Structures are given as structure tokens and as C-alpha cells.
Amino acid sequence: IVEGDQAPNFSLEADDGTTVTRASLAGKNVV
């Protein structure tokens, strides 16, 4: 992966126990 590439699909647990996926971030600016 290089800067500017689209991230692959993923599913990760956040600190608060919720699940973060690439789909859940669609339309957002992500760092």
C-alpha cells in the first residue's frame, strides 16, 4: 500500500468495542 491508495477491506475492533470497517468510513476523510 502506498500513500493515496484505497485501503483494502478490513474489519477491526475499536477501543470502545465497536467494529470499524472500510465500508463504515465511506465518504469520510481518513488518516
PDB file of all heavy atoms in Angstrom:
ATOM      1  N   ILE A   1       0.858  -1.182   0.000  1.00  0.00           N
ATOM      2  CA  ILE A   1       0.000   0.000   0.000  1.00  0.00           C
ATOM      3  C   ILE A   1       0.893   1.231   0.000  1.00  0.00           C
ATOM      4  O   ILE A   1       1.844   1.309   0.773  1.00  0.00           O
ATOM      5  CB  ILE A   1      -0.911   0.025   1.241  1.00  0.00           C
ATOM      6  CG1 ILE A   1      -1.832  -1.187   1.246  1.00  0.00           C
ATOM      7  CG2 ILE A   1      -1.721   1.308   1.271  1.00  0.00           C
ATOM      8  CD1 ILE A   1      -2.652  -1.332   2.505  1.00  0.00           C
ATOM      9  N   VAL A   2       0.587   2.161  -0.867  1.00  0.00           N
ATOM     10  CA  VAL A   2       1.324   3.424  -0.908  1.00  0.00           C
ATOM     11  C   VAL A   2       0.349   4.567  -0.672  1.00  0.00           C
ATOM     12  O   VAL A   2      -0.870   4.408  -0.823  1.00  0.00           O
ATOM     13  CB  VAL A   2       2.090   3.617  -2.235  1.00  0.00           C
ATOM     14  CG1 VAL A   2       3.144   2.552  -2.426  1.00  0.00           C
ATOM     15  CG2 VAL A   2       1.155   3.642  -3.414  1.00  0.00           C
ATOM     16  N   GLU A   3       0.886   5.696  -0.284  1.00  0.00           N
ATOM     17  CA  GLU A   3       0.072   6.871   0.001  1.00  0.00           C
ATOM     18  C   GLU A   3      -0.876   7.146  -1.168  1.00  0.00           C
ATOM     19  O   GLU A   3      -0.471   7.149  -2.324  1.00  0.00           O
ATOM     20  CB  GLU A   3       0.966   8.081   0.235  1.00  0.00           C
ATOM     21  CG  GLU A   3       0.213   9.327   0.607  1.00  0.00           C
ATOM     22  CD  GLU A   3       1.124  10.499   0.892  1.00  0.00           C
ATOM     23  OE1 GLU A   3       2.331  10.295   1.146  1.00  0.00           O
ATOM     24  OE2 GLU A   3       0.623  11.629   0.857  1.00  0.00           O
ATOM     25  N   GLY A   4      -2.139   7.353  -0.829  1.00  0.00           N
ATOM     26  CA  GLY A   4      -3.141   7.647  -1.841  1.00  0.00           C
ATOM     27  C   GLY A   4      -3.908   6.438  -2.325  1.00  0.00           C
ATOM     28  O   GLY A   4      -4.956   6.577  -2.945  1.00  0.00           O
ATOM     29  N   ASP A   5      -3.402   5.221  -2.057  1.00  0.00           N
ATOM     30  CA  ASP A   5      -4.123   4.007  -2.449  1.00  0.00           C
ATOM     31  C   ASP A   5      -5.396   3.862  -1.627  1.00  0.00           C
ATOM     32  O   ASP A   5      -5.470   4.302  -0.478  1.00  0.00           O
ATOM     33  CB  ASP A   5      -3.271   2.753  -2.195  1.00  0.00           C
ATOM     34  CG  ASP A   5      -2.237   2.500  -3.260  1.00  0.00           C
ATOM     35  OD1 ASP A   5      -2.209   3.241  -4.256  1.00  0.00           O
ATOM     36  OD2 ASP A   5      -1.445   1.553  -3.082  1.00  0.00           O
ATOM     37  N   GLN A   6      -6.374   3.205  -2.205  1.00  0.00           N
ATOM     38  CA  GLN A   6      -7.573   2.857  -1.465  1.00  0.00           C
ATOM     39  C   GLN A   6      -7.232   1.689  -0.537  1.00  0.00           C
ATOM     40  O   GLN A   6      -6.545   0.741  -0.946  1.00  0.00           O
ATOM     41  CB  GLN A   6      -8.691   2.459  -2.418  1.00  0.00           C
ATOM     42  CG  GLN A   6     -10.012   2.241  -1.723  1.00  0.00           C
ATOM     43  CD  GLN A   6     -11.115   1.942  -2.717  1.00  0.00           C
ATOM     44  OE1 GLN A   6     -11.070   0.936  -3.407  1.00  0.00           O
ATOM     45  NE2 GLN A   6     -12.084   2.829  -2.779  1.00  0.00           N
ATOM     46  N   ALA A   7      -7.671   1.775   0.700  1.00  0.00           N
ATOM     47  CA  ALA A   7      -7.388   0.710   1.666  1.00  0.00           C
ATOM     48  C   ALA A   7      -8.149  -0.555   1.287  1.00  0.00           C
ATOM     49  O   ALA A   7      -9.252  -0.486   0.741  1.00  0.00           O
ATOM     50  CB  ALA A   7      -7.809   1.153   3.072  1.00  0.00           C
ATOM     51  N   PRO A   8      -7.567  -1.710   1.584  1.00  0.00           N
ATOM     52  CA  PRO A   8      -8.303  -2.956   1.349  1.00  0.00           C
ATOM     53  C   PRO A   8      -9.459  -3.052   2.355  1.00  0.00           C
ATOM     54  O   PRO A   8      -9.501  -2.336   3.351  1.00  0.00           O
ATOM     55  CB  PRO A   8      -7.245  -4.039   1.608  1.00  0.00           C
ATOM     56  CG  PRO A   8      -6.238  -3.390   2.483  1.00  0.00           C
ATOM     57  CD  PRO A   8      -6.242  -1.931   2.137  1.00  0.00           C
ATOM     58  N   ASN A   9     -10.400  -3.929   2.077  1.00  0.00           N
ATOM     59  CA  ASN A   9     -11.485  -4.149   3.031  1.00  0.00           C
ATOM     60  C   ASN A   9     -10.897  -4.635   4.349  1.00  0.00           C
ATOM     61  O   ASN A   9      -9.949  -5.429   4.357  1.00  0.00           O
ATOM     62  CB  ASN A   9     -12.482  -5.170   2.493  1.00  0.00           C
ATOM     63  CG  ASN A   9     -13.292  -4.613   1.352  1.00  0.00           C
ATOM     64  OD1 ASN A   9     -13.647  -3.436   1.332  1.00  0.00           O
ATOM     65  ND2 ASN A   9     -13.581  -5.442   0.372  1.00  0.00           N
ATOM     66  N   PHE A  10     -11.441  -4.136   5.451  1.00  0.00           N
ATOM     67  CA  PHE A  10     -10.978  -4.570   6.761  1.00  0.00           C
ATOM     68  C   PHE A  10     -12.114  -4.470   7.763  1.00  0.00           C
ATOM     69  O   PHE A  10     -13.115  -3.796   7.532  1.00  0.00           O
ATOM     70  CB  PHE A  10      -9.774  -3.735   7.239  1.00  0.00           C
ATOM     71  CG  PHE A  10     -10.086  -2.275   7.436  1.00  0.00           C
ATOM     72  CD1 PHE A  10     -10.586  -1.808   8.640  1.00  0.00           C
ATOM     73  CD2 PHE A  10      -9.881  -1.370   6.415  1.00  0.00           C
ATOM     74  CE1 PHE A  10     -10.881  -0.468   8.820  1.00  0.00           C
ATOM     75  CE2 PHE A  10     -10.162  -0.026   6.578  1.00  0.00           C
ATOM     76  CZ  PHE A  10     -10.668   0.428   7.786  1.00  0.00           C
ATOM     77  N   SER A  11     -11.937  -5.143   8.886  1.00  0.00           N
ATOM     78  CA  SER A  11     -12.878  -5.110   9.999  1.00  0.00           C
ATOM     79  C   SER A  11     -12.040  -5.203  11.267  1.00  0.00           C
ATOM     80  O   SER A  11     -11.360  -6.210  11.491  1.00  0.00           O
ATOM     81  CB  SER A  11     -13.842  -6.300   9.910  1.00  0.00           C
ATOM     82  OG  SER A  11     -14.712  -6.309  11.016  1.00  0.00           O
ATOM     83  N   LEU A  12     -12.054  -4.130  12.071  1.00  0.00           N
ATOM     84  CA  LEU A  12     -11.219  -4.052  13.269  1.00  0.00           C
ATOM     85  C   LEU A  12     -12.026  -3.586  14.465  1.00  0.00           C
ATOM     86  O   LEU A  12     -12.943  -2.770  14.331  1.00  0.00           O
ATOM     87  CB  LEU A  12     -10.060  -3.070  13.032  1.00  0.00           C
ATOM     88  CG  LEU A  12      -9.126  -3.375  11.879  1.00  0.00           C
ATOM     89  CD1 LEU A  12      -8.218  -2.186  11.618  1.00  0.00           C
ATOM     90  CD2 LEU A  12      -8.316  -4.616  12.190  1.00  0.00           C
ATOM     91  N   GLU A  13     -11.669  -4.070  15.632  1.00  0.00           N
ATOM     92  CA  GLU A  13     -12.328  -3.632  16.862  1.00  0.00           C
ATOM     93  C   GLU A  13     -11.684  -2.324  17.333  1.00  0.00           C
ATOM     94  O   GLU A  13     -10.464  -2.210  17.422  1.00  0.00           O
ATOM     95  CB  GLU A  13     -12.208  -4.691  17.953  1.00  0.00           C
ATOM     96  CG  GLU A  13     -12.963  -4.305  19.210  1.00  0.00           C
ATOM     97  CD  GLU A  13     -12.926  -5.372  20.288  1.00  0.00           C
ATOM     98  OE1 GLU A  13     -12.590  -6.529  19.976  1.00  0.00           O
ATOM     99  OE2 GLU A  13     -13.232  -5.048  21.442  1.00  0.00           O
ATOM    100  N   ALA A  14     -12.520  -1.337  17.642  1.00  0.00           N
ATOM    101  CA  ALA A  14     -12.055  -0.053  18.156  1.00  0.00           C
ATOM    102  C   ALA A  14     -11.898  -0.123  19.669  1.00  0.00           C
ATOM    103  O   ALA A  14     -12.344  -1.089  20.313  1.00  0.00           O
ATOM    104  CB  ALA A  14     -13.045   1.046  17.781  1.00  0.00           C
ATOM    105  N   ASP A  15     -11.271   0.901  20.237  1.00  0.00           N
ATOM    106  CA  ASP A  15     -11.073   0.956  21.687  1.00  0.00           C
ATOM    107  C   ASP A  15     -12.381   0.848  22.463  1.00  0.00           C
ATOM    108  O   ASP A  15     -12.411   0.312  23.567  1.00  0.00           O
ATOM    109  CB  ASP A  15     -10.379   2.271  22.092  1.00  0.00           C
ATOM    110  CG  ASP A  15      -8.942   2.327  21.637  1.00  0.00           C
ATOM    111  OD1 ASP A  15      -8.366   1.272  21.314  1.00  0.00           O
ATOM    112  OD2 ASP A  15      -8.388   3.435  21.617  1.00  0.00           O
ATOM    113  N   ASP A  16     -13.456   1.363  21.889  1.00  0.00           N
ATOM    114  CA  ASP A  16     -14.738   1.359  22.598  1.00  0.00           C
ATOM    115  C   ASP A  16     -15.544   0.083  22.361  1.00  0.00           C
ATOM    116  O   ASP A  16     -16.684  -0.030  22.781  1.00  0.00           O
ATOM    117  CB  ASP A  16     -15.566   2.587  22.216  1.00  0.00           C
ATOM    118  CG  ASP A  16     -15.946   2.617  20.742  1.00  0.00           C
ATOM    119  OD1 ASP A  16     -15.625   1.660  19.997  1.00  0.00           O
ATOM    120  OD2 ASP A  16     -16.564   3.611  20.324  1.00  0.00           O
ATOM    121  N   GLY A  17     -14.940  -0.890  21.667  1.00  0.00           N
ATOM    122  CA  GLY A  17     -15.605  -2.171  21.444  1.00  0.00           C
ATOM    123  C   GLY A  17     -16.426  -2.239  20.169  1.00  0.00           C
ATOM    124  O   GLY A  17     -16.903  -3.305  19.802  1.00  0.00           O
ATOM    125  N   THR A  18     -16.614  -1.112  19.489  1.00  0.00           N
ATOM    126  CA  THR A  18     -17.348  -1.130  18.232  1.00  0.00           C
ATOM    127  C   THR A  18     -16.451  -1.679  17.121  1.00  0.00           C
ATOM    128  O   THR A  18     -15.235  -1.780  17.285  1.00  0.00           O
ATOM    129  CB  THR A  18     -17.830   0.280  17.833  1.00  0.00           C
ATOM    130  OG1 THR A  18     -16.694   1.140  17.673  1.00  0.00           O
ATOM    131  CG2 THR A  18     -18.768   0.860  18.882  1.00  0.00           C
ATOM    132  N   THR A  19     -17.053  -2.027  16.013  1.00  0.00           N
ATOM    133  CA  THR A  19     -16.301  -2.541  14.876  1.00  0.00           C
ATOM    134  C   THR A  19     -16.195  -1.445  13.816  1.00  0.00           C
ATOM    135  O   THR A  19     -17.189  -0.814  13.460  1.00  0.00           O
ATOM    136  CB  THR A  19     -16.993  -3.782  14.280  1.00  0.00           C
ATOM    137  OG1 THR A  19     -17.057  -4.788  15.303  1.00  0.00           O
ATOM    138  CG2 THR A  19     -16.224  -4.326  13.089  1.00  0.00           C
ATOM    139  N   VAL A  20     -14.983  -1.231  13.333  1.00  0.00           N
ATOM    140  CA  VAL A  20     -14.724  -0.262  12.279  1.00  0.00           C
ATOM    141  C   VAL A  20     -14.398  -1.045  11.011  1.00  0.00           C
ATOM    142  O   VAL A  20     -13.570  -1.950  11.031  1.00  0.00           O
ATOM    143  CB  VAL A  20     -13.539   0.660  12.645  1.00  0.00           C
ATOM    144  CG1 VAL A  20     -13.253   1.634  11.518  1.00  0.00           C
ATOM    145  CG2 VAL A  20     -13.811   1.400  13.939  1.00  0.00           C
ATOM    146  N   THR A  21     -15.080  -0.701   9.936  1.00  0.00           N
ATOM    147  CA  THR A  21     -14.822  -1.331   8.643  1.00  0.00           C
ATOM    148  C   THR A  21     -14.545  -0.245   7.608  1.00  0.00           C
ATOM    149  O   THR A  21     -14.870   0.928   7.824  1.00  0.00           O
ATOM    150  CB  THR A  21     -16.034  -2.156   8.162  1.00  0.00           C
ATOM    151  OG1 THR A  21     -17.136  -1.263   7.949  1.00  0.00           O
ATOM    152  CG2 THR A  21     -16.418  -3.228   9.171  1.00  0.00           C
ATOM    153  N   ARG A  22     -13.977  -0.646   6.509  1.00  0.00           N
ATOM    154  CA  ARG A  22     -13.768   0.324   5.443  1.00  0.00           C
ATOM    155  C   ARG A  22     -15.106   0.892   4.987  1.00  0.00           C
ATOM    156  O   ARG A  22     -15.248   2.091   4.766  1.00  0.00           O
ATOM    157  CB  ARG A  22     -13.032  -0.303   4.270  1.00  0.00           C
ATOM    158  CG  ARG A  22     -12.618   0.764   3.245  1.00  0.00           C
ATOM    159  CD  ARG A  22     -11.927   0.182   2.072  1.00  0.00           C
ATOM    160  NE  ARG A  22     -12.960  -0.158   1.092  1.00  0.00           N
ATOM    161  CZ  ARG A  22     -12.710  -0.677  -0.079  1.00  0.00           C
ATOM    162  NH1 ARG A  22     -11.479  -0.976  -0.428  1.00  0.00           N
ATOM    163  NH2 ARG A  22     -13.679  -0.944  -0.911  1.00  0.00           N
ATOM    164  N   ALA A  23     -16.117   0.032   4.916  1.00  0.00           N
ATOM    165  CA  ALA A  23     -17.443   0.488   4.487  1.00  0.00           C
ATOM    166  C   ALA A  23     -18.024   1.520   5.453  1.00  0.00           C
ATOM    167  O   ALA A  23     -18.689   2.460   5.025  1.00  0.00           O
ATOM    168  CB  ALA A  23     -18.382  -0.705   4.344  1.00  0.00           C
ATOM    169  N   SER A  24     -17.758   1.364   6.751  1.00  0.00           N
ATOM    170  CA  SER A  24     -18.307   2.315   7.729  1.00  0.00           C
ATOM    171  C   SER A  24     -17.642   3.680   7.637  1.00  0.00           C
ATOM    172  O   SER A  24     -18.150   4.664   8.172  1.00  0.00           O
ATOM    173  CB  SER A  24     -18.190   1.761   9.152  1.00  0.00           C
ATOM    174  OG  SER A  24     -16.839   1.746   9.592  1.00  0.00           O
ATOM    175  N   LEU A  25     -16.500   3.743   6.967  1.00  0.00           N
ATOM    176  CA  LEU A  25     -15.771   5.003   6.814  1.00  0.00           C
ATOM    177  C   LEU A  25     -15.990   5.631   5.438  1.00  0.00           C
ATOM    178  O   LEU A  25     -15.427   6.687   5.145  1.00  0.00           O
ATOM    179  CB  LEU A  25     -14.275   4.762   7.033  1.00  0.00           C
ATOM    180  CG  LEU A  25     -13.893   4.261   8.420  1.00  0.00           C
ATOM    181  CD1 LEU A  25     -12.433   3.819   8.439  1.00  0.00           C
ATOM    182  CD2 LEU A  25     -14.169   5.315   9.473  1.00  0.00           C
ATOM    183  N   ALA A  26     -16.823   5.005   4.617  1.00  0.00           N
ATOM    184  CA  ALA A  26     -17.061   5.504   3.260  1.00  0.00           C
ATOM    185  C   ALA A  26     -17.527   6.954   3.300  1.00  0.00           C
ATOM    186  O   ALA A  26     -18.369   7.333   4.114  1.00  0.00           O
ATOM    187  CB  ALA A  26     -18.093   4.639   2.551  1.00  0.00           C
ATOM    188  N   GLY A  27     -16.926   7.767   2.446  1.00  0.00           N
ATOM    189  CA  GLY A  27     -17.300   9.170   2.350  1.00  0.00           C
ATOM    190  C   GLY A  27     -16.618  10.074   3.360  1.00  0.00           C
ATOM    191  O   GLY A  27     -16.832  11.282   3.350  1.00  0.00           O
ATOM    192  N   LYS A  28     -15.786   9.500   4.244  1.00  0.00           N
ATOM    193  CA  LYS A  28     -15.081  10.283   5.253  1.00  0.00           C
ATOM    194  C   LYS A  28     -13.617  10.447   4.868  1.00  0.00           C
ATOM    195  O   LYS A  28     -13.056   9.609   4.163  1.00  0.00           O
ATOM    196  CB  LYS A  28     -15.172   9.598   6.619  1.00  0.00           C
ATOM    197  CG  LYS A  28     -16.587   9.471   7.128  1.00  0.00           C
ATOM    198  CD  LYS A  28     -16.619   8.796   8.478  1.00  0.00           C
ATOM    199  CE  LYS A  28     -18.075   8.656   8.932  1.00  0.00           C
ATOM    200  NZ  LYS A  28     -18.175   7.998  10.227  1.00  0.00           N
ATOM    201  N   ASN A  29     -13.020  11.514   5.331  1.00  0.00           N
ATOM    202  CA  ASN A  29     -11.576  11.674   5.208  1.00  0.00           C
ATOM    203  C   ASN A  29     -10.943  10.833   6.306  1.00  0.00           C
ATOM    204  O   ASN A  29     -11.296  10.980   7.481  1.00  0.00           O
ATOM    205  CB  ASN A  29     -11.169  13.139   5.384  1.00  0.00           C
ATOM    206  CG  ASN A  29     -11.715  14.021   4.296  1.00  0.00           C
ATOM    207  OD1 ASN A  29     -11.654  13.677   3.135  1.00  0.00           O
ATOM    208  ND2 ASN A  29     -12.259  15.162   4.671  1.00  0.00           N
ATOM    209  N   VAL A  30     -10.040   9.954   5.944  1.00  0.00           N
ATOM    210  CA  VAL A  30      -9.441   9.038   6.915  1.00  0.00           C
ATOM    211  C   VAL A  30      -7.920   9.179   6.889  1.00  0.00           C
ATOM    212  O   VAL A  30      -7.310   9.162   5.816  1.00  0.00           O
ATOM    213  CB  VAL A  30      -9.821   7.569   6.622  1.00  0.00           C
ATOM    214  CG1 VAL A  30      -9.155   6.627   7.609  1.00  0.00           C
ATOM    215  CG2 VAL A  30     -11.335   7.397   6.646  1.00  0.00           C
ATOM    216  N   VAL A  31      -7.340   9.325   8.071  1.00  0.00           N
ATOM    217  CA  VAL A  31      -5.890   9.297   8.240  1.00  0.00           C
ATOM    218  C   VAL A  31      -5.591   7.972   8.922  1.00  0.00           C
ATOM    219  O   VAL A  31      -6.011   7.740  10.053  1.00  0.00           O
ATOM    220  CB  VAL A  31      -5.385  10.476   9.104  1.00  0.00           C
ATOM    221  CG1 VAL A  31      -3.887  10.354   9.332  1.00  0.00           C
ATOM    222  CG2 VAL A  31      -5.750  11.801   8.469  1.00  0.00           C
TER     223      VAL A  31
END
